[in-house]
N, C-alpha and C. Protein backbone atom coordinates (compact mmCIF):
# COMPACT_ATOMS: atom_id res chain seq x y z
N MET A 1 96.82 -58.60 128.04
CA MET A 1 98.15 -58.78 128.57
C MET A 1 98.68 -60.17 128.23
N TYR A 2 97.83 -61.17 128.37
CA TYR A 2 98.29 -62.52 128.06
C TYR A 2 98.59 -62.68 126.57
N ALA A 3 97.81 -61.98 125.74
CA ALA A 3 98.08 -62.05 124.31
C ALA A 3 99.45 -61.47 124.00
N TYR A 4 99.81 -60.38 124.66
CA TYR A 4 101.14 -59.79 124.46
C TYR A 4 102.22 -60.77 124.92
N LEU A 5 102.00 -61.42 126.06
CA LEU A 5 103.00 -62.38 126.54
C LEU A 5 103.14 -63.55 125.57
N ARG A 6 102.01 -64.00 125.02
CA ARG A 6 102.06 -65.11 124.08
C ARG A 6 102.82 -64.69 122.82
N ARG A 7 102.52 -63.48 122.31
CA ARG A 7 103.22 -62.99 121.12
C ARG A 7 104.69 -62.81 121.40
N ALA A 8 105.02 -62.28 122.58
CA ALA A 8 106.42 -62.03 122.91
C ALA A 8 107.18 -63.34 123.01
N SER A 9 106.55 -64.37 123.57
CA SER A 9 107.26 -65.65 123.68
C SER A 9 107.42 -66.30 122.32
N ILE A 10 106.46 -66.07 121.41
CA ILE A 10 106.59 -66.63 120.07
C ILE A 10 107.65 -65.88 119.28
N LEU A 11 107.64 -64.55 119.38
CA LEU A 11 108.58 -63.76 118.61
C LEU A 11 110.00 -63.87 119.12
N ASN A 12 110.14 -63.66 120.43
CA ASN A 12 111.49 -63.64 120.98
C ASN A 12 111.42 -64.00 122.46
N GLY A 13 112.07 -65.06 122.86
CA GLY A 13 112.04 -65.49 124.25
C GLY A 13 112.68 -64.50 125.19
N SER A 14 113.72 -63.80 124.74
CA SER A 14 114.40 -62.84 125.62
C SER A 14 113.51 -61.64 125.91
N ARG A 15 112.63 -61.27 124.99
CA ARG A 15 111.72 -60.17 125.23
C ARG A 15 110.76 -60.51 126.38
N LEU A 16 110.30 -61.76 126.42
CA LEU A 16 109.41 -62.20 127.48
C LEU A 16 110.13 -62.15 128.83
N VAL A 17 111.36 -62.59 128.87
CA VAL A 17 112.12 -62.56 130.13
C VAL A 17 112.33 -61.13 130.58
N SER A 18 112.68 -60.23 129.66
CA SER A 18 112.90 -58.85 130.07
C SER A 18 111.60 -58.19 130.51
N PHE A 19 110.48 -58.55 129.89
CA PHE A 19 109.18 -58.01 130.29
C PHE A 19 108.83 -58.46 131.70
N LEU A 20 109.02 -59.74 132.00
CA LEU A 20 108.67 -60.25 133.32
C LEU A 20 109.59 -59.71 134.40
N THR A 21 110.87 -59.57 134.13
CA THR A 21 111.79 -59.07 135.15
C THR A 21 111.61 -57.58 135.38
N THR A 22 111.14 -56.85 134.39
CA THR A 22 110.92 -55.42 134.56
C THR A 22 109.76 -55.15 135.50
N PHE A 23 108.68 -55.91 135.38
CA PHE A 23 107.48 -55.62 136.14
C PHE A 23 107.29 -56.51 137.37
N ARG A 24 108.23 -57.38 137.64
CA ARG A 24 108.11 -58.22 138.83
C ARG A 24 108.48 -57.39 140.05
N ARG A 25 107.67 -57.51 141.08
CA ARG A 25 107.90 -56.74 142.30
C ARG A 25 108.74 -57.55 143.27
N LYS A 26 109.83 -56.97 143.72
CA LYS A 26 110.71 -57.66 144.64
C LYS A 26 110.26 -57.39 146.08
N PRO A 27 110.41 -58.36 146.97
CA PRO A 27 109.98 -58.15 148.36
C PRO A 27 110.84 -57.11 149.06
N ASN A 28 110.20 -56.35 149.93
CA ASN A 28 110.89 -55.32 150.70
C ASN A 28 111.35 -55.97 152.01
N LEU A 29 112.62 -56.38 152.06
CA LEU A 29 113.11 -57.16 153.18
C LEU A 29 113.14 -56.40 154.50
N PRO A 30 113.53 -55.12 154.56
CA PRO A 30 113.50 -54.45 155.87
C PRO A 30 112.09 -54.33 156.44
N MET A 31 111.12 -54.09 155.60
CA MET A 31 109.74 -53.98 156.08
C MET A 31 109.22 -55.35 156.53
N ARG A 32 109.62 -56.40 155.82
CA ARG A 32 109.22 -57.75 156.22
C ARG A 32 109.84 -58.12 157.56
N SER A 33 111.11 -57.77 157.74
CA SER A 33 111.78 -58.07 159.00
C SER A 33 111.15 -57.30 160.15
N LEU A 34 110.81 -56.05 159.92
CA LEU A 34 110.15 -55.26 160.97
C LEU A 34 108.79 -55.85 161.30
N GLY A 35 108.08 -56.33 160.30
CA GLY A 35 106.80 -56.98 160.54
C GLY A 35 106.95 -58.23 161.39
N ARG A 36 107.97 -59.03 161.10
CA ARG A 36 108.21 -60.24 161.90
C ARG A 36 108.58 -59.89 163.34
N ILE A 37 109.36 -58.84 163.52
CA ILE A 37 109.74 -58.41 164.88
C ILE A 37 108.51 -57.94 165.65
N LEU A 38 107.64 -57.18 164.99
CA LEU A 38 106.41 -56.74 165.65
C LEU A 38 105.52 -57.92 166.02
N GLN A 39 105.46 -58.92 165.16
CA GLN A 39 104.68 -60.11 165.49
C GLN A 39 105.24 -60.82 166.72
N THR A 40 106.55 -60.93 166.78
CA THR A 40 107.18 -61.61 167.92
C THR A 40 106.95 -60.84 169.21
N ILE A 41 107.12 -59.52 169.17
CA ILE A 41 106.89 -58.71 170.36
C ILE A 41 105.43 -58.81 170.80
N GLY A 42 104.52 -58.77 169.84
CA GLY A 42 103.10 -58.89 170.17
C GLY A 42 102.78 -60.22 170.83
N LEU A 43 103.42 -61.29 170.37
CA LEU A 43 103.19 -62.60 170.98
C LEU A 43 103.80 -62.69 172.37
N LEU A 44 104.89 -61.99 172.61
CA LEU A 44 105.53 -62.02 173.93
C LEU A 44 104.79 -61.17 174.96
N ILE A 45 104.07 -60.15 174.51
CA ILE A 45 103.34 -59.28 175.42
C ILE A 45 102.14 -60.00 176.04
N LEU A 46 101.51 -60.89 175.29
CA LEU A 46 100.31 -61.56 175.80
C LEU A 46 100.57 -62.39 177.06
N PRO A 47 101.59 -63.25 177.12
CA PRO A 47 101.84 -63.97 178.37
C PRO A 47 102.24 -63.04 179.52
N PHE A 48 102.93 -61.96 179.19
CA PHE A 48 103.30 -60.98 180.22
C PHE A 48 102.05 -60.39 180.86
N ALA A 49 101.05 -60.10 180.06
CA ALA A 49 99.80 -59.55 180.60
C ALA A 49 99.10 -60.56 181.50
N ILE A 50 99.11 -61.81 181.09
CA ILE A 50 98.44 -62.85 181.89
C ILE A 50 99.17 -63.05 183.21
N VAL A 51 100.48 -63.17 183.16
CA VAL A 51 101.27 -63.40 184.38
C VAL A 51 101.17 -62.20 185.32
N SER A 52 101.20 -61.00 184.77
CA SER A 52 101.10 -59.80 185.61
C SER A 52 99.77 -59.76 186.36
N GLU A 53 98.71 -60.20 185.71
CA GLU A 53 97.41 -60.22 186.37
C GLU A 53 97.34 -61.34 187.41
N LEU A 54 97.96 -62.48 187.12
CA LEU A 54 97.91 -63.60 188.05
C LEU A 54 98.68 -63.34 189.34
N ILE A 55 99.81 -62.64 189.24
CA ILE A 55 100.58 -62.37 190.46
C ILE A 55 100.09 -61.12 191.18
N GLY A 56 99.14 -60.44 190.62
CA GLY A 56 98.50 -59.32 191.31
C GLY A 56 99.16 -57.97 191.11
N ARG A 57 100.03 -57.83 190.14
CA ARG A 57 100.67 -56.52 189.90
C ARG A 57 99.71 -55.54 189.23
N VAL A 58 98.88 -56.04 188.35
CA VAL A 58 97.92 -55.18 187.65
C VAL A 58 96.54 -55.80 187.80
N GLY A 59 95.54 -54.98 187.61
CA GLY A 59 94.16 -55.47 187.67
C GLY A 59 93.75 -56.11 186.36
N LEU A 60 92.54 -56.61 186.35
CA LEU A 60 92.04 -57.29 185.16
C LEU A 60 91.92 -56.33 183.97
N GLY A 61 91.45 -55.11 184.23
CA GLY A 61 91.31 -54.12 183.15
C GLY A 61 92.64 -53.75 182.54
N GLN A 62 93.65 -53.55 183.38
CA GLN A 62 94.97 -53.22 182.86
C GLN A 62 95.57 -54.41 182.10
N SER A 63 95.32 -55.61 182.59
CA SER A 63 95.80 -56.80 181.90
C SER A 63 95.18 -56.91 180.52
N MET A 64 93.90 -56.60 180.42
CA MET A 64 93.22 -56.64 179.12
C MET A 64 93.78 -55.58 178.17
N LEU A 65 94.10 -54.41 178.71
CA LEU A 65 94.69 -53.36 177.86
C LEU A 65 96.08 -53.76 177.36
N ILE A 66 96.86 -54.40 178.22
CA ILE A 66 98.19 -54.87 177.79
C ILE A 66 98.03 -55.93 176.72
N ALA A 67 97.08 -56.85 176.92
CA ALA A 67 96.84 -57.89 175.92
C ALA A 67 96.35 -57.29 174.60
N LEU A 68 95.51 -56.26 174.68
CA LEU A 68 95.03 -55.57 173.48
C LEU A 68 96.19 -54.92 172.73
N ALA A 69 97.11 -54.31 173.48
CA ALA A 69 98.28 -53.70 172.84
C ALA A 69 99.11 -54.77 172.13
N GLY A 70 99.25 -55.95 172.74
CA GLY A 70 99.97 -57.04 172.09
C GLY A 70 99.30 -57.51 170.82
N MET A 71 97.97 -57.61 170.87
CA MET A 71 97.24 -58.04 169.68
C MET A 71 97.36 -57.01 168.56
N ILE A 72 97.31 -55.74 168.92
CA ILE A 72 97.43 -54.69 167.91
C ILE A 72 98.82 -54.72 167.27
N MET A 73 99.86 -54.91 168.10
CA MET A 73 101.22 -55.00 167.55
C MET A 73 101.36 -56.20 166.62
N PHE A 74 100.78 -57.32 167.01
CA PHE A 74 100.84 -58.51 166.17
C PHE A 74 100.16 -58.27 164.83
N GLN A 75 98.98 -57.66 164.84
CA GLN A 75 98.25 -57.40 163.60
C GLN A 75 98.98 -56.38 162.73
N MET A 76 99.62 -55.40 163.35
CA MET A 76 100.42 -54.46 162.56
C MET A 76 101.58 -55.18 161.88
N GLY A 77 102.19 -56.11 162.58
CA GLY A 77 103.27 -56.90 162.00
C GLY A 77 102.80 -57.75 160.83
N VAL A 78 101.63 -58.36 160.98
CA VAL A 78 101.08 -59.17 159.89
C VAL A 78 100.80 -58.29 158.67
N ALA A 79 100.23 -57.12 158.90
CA ALA A 79 99.93 -56.21 157.78
C ALA A 79 101.20 -55.75 157.09
N MET A 80 102.23 -55.43 157.86
CA MET A 80 103.49 -54.99 157.27
C MET A 80 104.14 -56.11 156.46
N GLN A 81 104.08 -57.31 156.98
CA GLN A 81 104.67 -58.44 156.26
C GLN A 81 103.93 -58.72 154.97
N LYS A 82 102.61 -58.64 154.99
CA LYS A 82 101.84 -58.90 153.77
C LYS A 82 102.07 -57.83 152.71
N THR A 83 102.17 -56.56 153.12
CA THR A 83 102.39 -55.51 152.12
C THR A 83 103.80 -55.57 151.55
N SER A 84 104.76 -56.07 152.32
CA SER A 84 106.12 -56.14 151.80
C SER A 84 106.29 -57.27 150.79
N GLU A 85 105.46 -58.30 150.87
CA GLU A 85 105.59 -59.44 149.95
C GLU A 85 104.96 -59.16 148.59
N GLY A 86 104.06 -58.21 148.53
CA GLY A 86 103.45 -57.85 147.26
C GLY A 86 102.33 -58.66 146.94
């Protein structure tokens, strides 16, 4: 592949530019935005779980499940953001 790029740049500079722009992957902005939103929601759920347990609304087990749901949402957001960037 590099040999082709070297030959293309020697032969014709515009061919190299067209080759690179054809195969360059553009970021998927809606998926990236959704990933960032999921990360933010996941980060906001964690303090909610802690405060809910401290004021006595939920037990420790339920608080841990809420925190786990927040962590899962955050990791899903990270995965979506990474796949959208290519």
